[in-house]
Amino acid sequence: MEPAPAPANRVALPHDVHEPFEVYINGVVQRQGADYVIEDGTLVFNRPLAQEGKLGFWRWLSMLLGIAGTYRKHETVDVIYTRAGRKVVASSLPFVSDA
């Protein structure tokens, strides 16, 4: 079984995002200042976020056979912003390593 990636708390914003914009984690709205701050084109959250990572062969096989499911924590960050006068959704933004 492959280990889950280490939690991160930074998410890269698309290059064309400008304020105002909305931020969601798993569909739940986040508030600037209370839940995150903006630093150098990234969202920095006040708590660690986790993504499941890649599933190994045995995990896929057990899911296919109905033996087990996947119950690891998996959070997605979405941003809604305006581009050329139209609302745009950037979904499942990539986490940024602190390294």
N, C-alpha and C. Protein backbone atom coordinates (compact mmCIF):
# COMPACT_ATOMS: atom_id res chain seq x y z
N MET A 1 0.84 -1.16 0.00
CA MET A 1 0.00 0.00 0.00
C MET A 1 0.89 1.24 0.00
N GLU A 2 0.53 2.21 -0.81
CA GLU A 2 1.31 3.44 -0.88
C GLU A 2 0.90 4.38 0.24
N PRO A 3 1.87 5.06 0.84
CA PRO A 3 1.52 6.00 1.91
C PRO A 3 0.82 7.23 1.35
N ALA A 4 -0.03 7.81 2.17
CA ALA A 4 -0.71 9.04 1.77
C ALA A 4 0.30 10.17 1.78
N PRO A 5 0.14 11.14 0.86
CA PRO A 5 1.06 12.28 0.87
C PRO A 5 0.92 13.10 2.15
N ALA A 6 1.98 13.77 2.52
CA ALA A 6 1.94 14.60 3.71
C ALA A 6 0.96 15.76 3.51
N PRO A 7 0.23 16.12 4.56
CA PRO A 7 -0.70 17.24 4.43
C PRO A 7 0.04 18.53 4.09
N ALA A 8 -0.63 19.38 3.35
CA ALA A 8 -0.07 20.69 3.00
C ALA A 8 -1.09 21.75 3.40
N ASN A 9 -0.67 22.98 3.44
CA ASN A 9 -1.65 24.03 3.73
C ASN A 9 -1.58 25.17 2.71
N ARG A 10 -0.88 24.95 1.60
CA ARG A 10 -0.74 25.97 0.56
C ARG A 10 -1.31 25.45 -0.76
N VAL A 11 -2.03 26.34 -1.45
CA VAL A 11 -2.64 25.99 -2.73
C VAL A 11 -2.32 27.09 -3.73
N ALA A 12 -1.83 26.71 -4.90
CA ALA A 12 -1.48 27.67 -5.94
C ALA A 12 -2.74 28.23 -6.59
N LEU A 13 -2.77 29.55 -6.74
CA LEU A 13 -3.86 30.20 -7.47
C LEU A 13 -3.53 30.24 -8.96
N PRO A 14 -4.54 30.14 -9.82
CA PRO A 14 -4.29 30.34 -11.25
C PRO A 14 -3.72 31.75 -11.48
N HIS A 15 -2.90 31.89 -12.51
CA HIS A 15 -2.21 33.15 -12.76
C HIS A 15 -3.14 34.33 -13.04
N ASP A 16 -4.36 34.07 -13.52
CA ASP A 16 -5.26 35.17 -13.89
C ASP A 16 -6.31 35.49 -12.83
N VAL A 17 -6.16 34.96 -11.61
CA VAL A 17 -7.10 35.27 -10.53
C VAL A 17 -6.78 36.64 -9.94
N HIS A 18 -7.83 37.44 -9.82
CA HIS A 18 -7.71 38.74 -9.16
C HIS A 18 -8.87 38.87 -8.18
N GLU A 19 -8.64 39.59 -7.10
CA GLU A 19 -9.70 39.80 -6.13
C GLU A 19 -10.78 40.68 -6.74
N PRO A 20 -12.03 40.48 -6.38
CA PRO A 20 -12.54 39.53 -5.39
C PRO A 20 -12.73 38.15 -6.01
N PHE A 21 -12.58 37.12 -5.19
CA PHE A 21 -12.85 35.74 -5.61
C PHE A 21 -13.35 34.96 -4.40
N GLU A 22 -13.94 33.80 -4.67
CA GLU A 22 -14.49 32.94 -3.61
C GLU A 22 -13.65 31.67 -3.53
N VAL A 23 -13.45 31.18 -2.32
CA VAL A 23 -12.65 29.97 -2.10
C VAL A 23 -13.53 28.94 -1.37
N TYR A 24 -13.45 27.70 -1.86
CA TYR A 24 -14.21 26.60 -1.27
C TYR A 24 -13.30 25.40 -1.02
N ILE A 25 -13.51 24.71 0.10
CA ILE A 25 -12.89 23.43 0.36
C ILE A 25 -14.02 22.41 0.45
N ASN A 26 -14.00 21.44 -0.45
CA ASN A 26 -15.07 20.44 -0.52
C ASN A 26 -16.45 21.07 -0.54
N GLY A 27 -16.58 22.19 -1.24
CA GLY A 27 -17.87 22.85 -1.39
C GLY A 27 -18.27 23.78 -0.26
N VAL A 28 -17.42 23.92 0.76
CA VAL A 28 -17.72 24.79 1.89
C VAL A 28 -16.93 26.08 1.73
N VAL A 29 -17.65 27.22 1.75
CA VAL A 29 -17.00 28.51 1.54
C VAL A 29 -15.99 28.79 2.65
N GLN A 30 -14.86 29.37 2.26
CA GLN A 30 -13.80 29.73 3.20
C GLN A 30 -13.69 31.25 3.23
N ARG A 31 -13.32 31.80 4.38
CA ARG A 31 -13.24 33.25 4.54
C ARG A 31 -11.78 33.70 4.65
N GLN A 32 -11.47 34.73 3.87
CA GLN A 32 -10.12 35.30 3.93
C GLN A 32 -9.90 35.89 5.31
N GLY A 33 -8.75 35.66 5.87
CA GLY A 33 -8.42 36.14 7.21
C GLY A 33 -8.75 35.11 8.28
N ALA A 34 -9.94 34.52 8.22
CA ALA A 34 -10.34 33.51 9.22
C ALA A 34 -9.84 32.12 8.84
N ASP A 35 -9.93 31.77 7.54
CA ASP A 35 -9.57 30.42 7.09
C ASP A 35 -8.28 30.39 6.27
N TYR A 36 -7.96 31.47 5.60
CA TYR A 36 -6.76 31.52 4.76
C TYR A 36 -6.29 32.96 4.59
N VAL A 37 -5.04 33.08 4.16
CA VAL A 37 -4.47 34.37 3.74
C VAL A 37 -3.87 34.16 2.36
N ILE A 38 -3.59 35.25 1.68
CA ILE A 38 -2.99 35.19 0.35
C ILE A 38 -1.54 35.65 0.46
N GLU A 39 -0.60 34.80 -0.02
CA GLU A 39 0.82 35.13 -0.02
C GLU A 39 1.43 34.73 -1.35
N ASP A 40 1.97 35.67 -2.07
CA ASP A 40 2.71 35.40 -3.32
C ASP A 40 1.98 34.48 -4.29
N GLY A 41 0.71 34.76 -4.54
CA GLY A 41 -0.05 33.97 -5.50
C GLY A 41 -0.49 32.61 -5.01
N THR A 42 -0.42 32.40 -3.70
CA THR A 42 -0.91 31.15 -3.12
C THR A 42 -1.88 31.44 -1.99
N LEU A 43 -2.78 30.50 -1.79
CA LEU A 43 -3.65 30.54 -0.62
C LEU A 43 -2.96 29.77 0.48
N VAL A 44 -2.83 30.36 1.65
CA VAL A 44 -2.21 29.69 2.79
C VAL A 44 -3.30 29.49 3.84
N PHE A 45 -3.66 28.23 4.07
CA PHE A 45 -4.73 27.91 5.00
C PHE A 45 -4.19 27.76 6.41
N ASN A 46 -5.07 28.01 7.39
CA ASN A 46 -4.64 27.94 8.79
C ASN A 46 -4.69 26.52 9.34
N ARG A 47 -4.93 25.55 8.48
CA ARG A 47 -4.93 24.15 8.89
C ARG A 47 -4.39 23.30 7.74
N PRO A 48 -3.88 22.11 8.05
CA PRO A 48 -3.38 21.24 6.97
C PRO A 48 -4.52 20.69 6.13
N LEU A 49 -4.26 20.56 4.84
CA LEU A 49 -5.20 19.96 3.89
C LEU A 49 -4.59 18.65 3.42
N ALA A 50 -5.43 17.69 3.09
CA ALA A 50 -4.92 16.38 2.68
C ALA A 50 -5.57 15.93 1.38
N GLN A 51 -4.79 15.28 0.54
CA GLN A 51 -5.30 14.63 -0.66
C GLN A 51 -4.91 13.17 -0.59
N GLU A 52 -5.76 12.34 -1.13
CA GLU A 52 -5.59 10.90 -0.99
C GLU A 52 -4.33 10.38 -1.66
N GLY A 53 -3.95 10.91 -2.79
CA GLY A 53 -2.79 10.39 -3.48
C GLY A 53 -3.17 9.22 -4.36
N LYS A 54 -2.17 8.61 -4.96
CA LYS A 54 -2.41 7.49 -5.88
C LYS A 54 -2.71 6.22 -5.12
N LEU A 55 -3.64 5.44 -5.67
CA LEU A 55 -3.96 4.15 -5.08
C LEU A 55 -3.11 3.06 -5.74
N GLY A 56 -2.63 2.15 -4.94
CA GLY A 56 -1.82 1.05 -5.46
C GLY A 56 -2.68 -0.04 -6.07
N PHE A 57 -2.02 -0.99 -6.69
CA PHE A 57 -2.70 -2.09 -7.36
C PHE A 57 -3.64 -2.85 -6.43
N TRP A 58 -3.17 -3.21 -5.23
CA TRP A 58 -3.97 -4.02 -4.32
C TRP A 58 -5.20 -3.26 -3.84
N ARG A 59 -5.07 -1.97 -3.63
CA ARG A 59 -6.22 -1.16 -3.20
C ARG A 59 -7.26 -1.11 -4.32
N TRP A 60 -6.80 -0.88 -5.57
CA TRP A 60 -7.72 -0.88 -6.70
C TRP A 60 -8.43 -2.22 -6.84
N LEU A 61 -7.67 -3.32 -6.71
CA LEU A 61 -8.24 -4.65 -6.85
C LEU A 61 -9.28 -4.91 -5.76
N SER A 62 -8.96 -4.55 -4.53
CA SER A 62 -9.91 -4.77 -3.43
C SER A 62 -11.18 -3.94 -3.62
N MET A 63 -11.05 -2.73 -4.17
CA MET A 63 -12.22 -1.90 -4.45
C MET A 63 -13.04 -2.51 -5.58
N LEU A 64 -12.37 -2.99 -6.62
CA LEU A 64 -13.04 -3.60 -7.76
C LEU A 64 -13.83 -4.83 -7.33
N LEU A 65 -13.26 -5.62 -6.42
CA LEU A 65 -13.92 -6.83 -5.94
C LEU A 65 -14.95 -6.55 -4.85
N GLY A 66 -15.04 -5.30 -4.42
CA GLY A 66 -16.01 -4.95 -3.39
C GLY A 66 -15.58 -5.34 -1.98
N ILE A 67 -14.30 -5.61 -1.81
CA ILE A 67 -13.79 -6.01 -0.50
C ILE A 67 -13.59 -4.80 0.41
N ALA A 68 -13.10 -3.73 -0.17
CA ALA A 68 -12.80 -2.53 0.62
C ALA A 68 -13.07 -1.30 -0.23
N GLY A 69 -13.19 -0.21 0.45
CA GLY A 69 -13.33 1.08 -0.22
C GLY A 69 -12.12 1.92 0.08
N THR A 70 -12.20 3.18 -0.26
CA THR A 70 -11.12 4.09 0.07
C THR A 70 -11.67 5.13 1.04
N TYR A 71 -11.08 5.19 2.21
CA TYR A 71 -11.62 6.03 3.26
C TYR A 71 -10.62 7.08 3.72
N ARG A 72 -9.64 7.33 2.91
CA ARG A 72 -8.65 8.34 3.27
C ARG A 72 -9.24 9.73 3.07
N LYS A 73 -8.69 10.68 3.77
CA LYS A 73 -9.15 12.06 3.66
C LYS A 73 -8.71 12.64 2.32
N HIS A 74 -9.63 13.31 1.63
CA HIS A 74 -9.32 13.91 0.34
C HIS A 74 -10.04 15.25 0.24
N GLU A 75 -9.29 16.32 0.27
CA GLU A 75 -9.89 17.65 0.20
C GLU A 75 -9.56 18.30 -1.14
N THR A 76 -10.53 18.99 -1.70
CA THR A 76 -10.30 19.73 -2.94
C THR A 76 -10.58 21.20 -2.69
N VAL A 77 -9.78 22.04 -3.33
CA VAL A 77 -9.92 23.48 -3.21
C VAL A 77 -10.35 24.03 -4.56
N ASP A 78 -11.44 24.79 -4.56
CA ASP A 78 -11.97 25.42 -5.76
C ASP A 78 -12.02 26.92 -5.56
N VAL A 79 -11.80 27.67 -6.63
CA VAL A 79 -11.87 29.13 -6.58
C VAL A 79 -12.81 29.59 -7.70
N ILE A 80 -13.72 30.48 -7.34
CA ILE A 80 -14.61 31.10 -8.34
C ILE A 80 -14.18 32.55 -8.48
N TYR A 81 -13.90 32.95 -9.72
CA TYR A 81 -13.45 34.31 -9.98
C TYR A 81 -13.98 34.79 -11.33
N THR A 82 -13.72 36.04 -11.65
CA THR A 82 -14.21 36.62 -12.89
C THR A 82 -13.06 36.79 -13.87
N ARG A 83 -13.28 36.33 -15.11
CA ARG A 83 -12.31 36.49 -16.19
C ARG A 83 -13.06 37.06 -17.39
N ALA A 84 -12.65 38.22 -17.85
CA ALA A 84 -13.27 38.88 -19.00
C ALA A 84 -14.78 39.02 -18.81
N GLY A 85 -15.18 39.35 -17.59
CA GLY A 85 -16.59 39.59 -17.31
C GLY A 85 -17.43 38.34 -17.09
N ARG A 86 -16.82 37.16 -17.10
CA ARG A 86 -17.56 35.90 -16.91
C ARG A 86 -17.04 35.17 -15.68
N LYS A 87 -17.96 34.51 -14.97
CA LYS A 87 -17.57 33.70 -13.82
C LYS A 87 -16.84 32.45 -14.29
N VAL A 88 -15.73 32.14 -13.64
CA VAL A 88 -14.91 30.98 -13.98
C VAL A 88 -14.68 30.19 -12.69
N VAL A 89 -14.68 28.86 -12.81
CA VAL A 89 -14.38 28.00 -11.66
C VAL A 89 -13.06 27.28 -11.93
N ALA A 90 -12.10 27.49 -11.03
CA ALA A 90 -10.85 26.71 -11.06
C ALA A 90 -11.03 25.62 -10.02
N SER A 91 -11.10 24.37 -10.48
CA SER A 91 -11.43 23.25 -9.60
C SER A 91 -10.23 22.39 -9.30
N SER A 92 -10.23 21.84 -8.10
CA SER A 92 -9.15 20.93 -7.65
C SER A 92 -7.78 21.54 -7.84
N LEU A 93 -7.58 22.72 -7.29
CA LEU A 93 -6.30 23.41 -7.43
C LEU A 93 -5.17 22.61 -6.79
N PRO A 94 -3.96 22.69 -7.37
CA PRO A 94 -2.83 21.89 -6.86
C PRO A 94 -2.29 22.42 -5.54
N PHE A 95 -1.93 21.49 -4.67
CA PHE A 95 -1.29 21.85 -3.41
C PHE A 95 0.16 22.20 -3.70
N VAL A 96 0.72 23.07 -2.88
CA VAL A 96 2.11 23.49 -3.03
C VAL A 96 2.90 22.96 -1.85
N SER A 97 4.00 22.33 -2.14
CA SER A 97 4.86 21.79 -1.10
C SER A 97 5.58 22.92 -0.38
N ASP A 98 5.76 22.76 0.91
CA ASP A 98 6.50 23.75 1.70
C ASP A 98 7.99 23.61 1.47
N ALA A 99 8.41 22.54 0.83
CA ALA A 99 9.85 22.29 0.62
C ALA A 99 10.45 23.20 -0.40
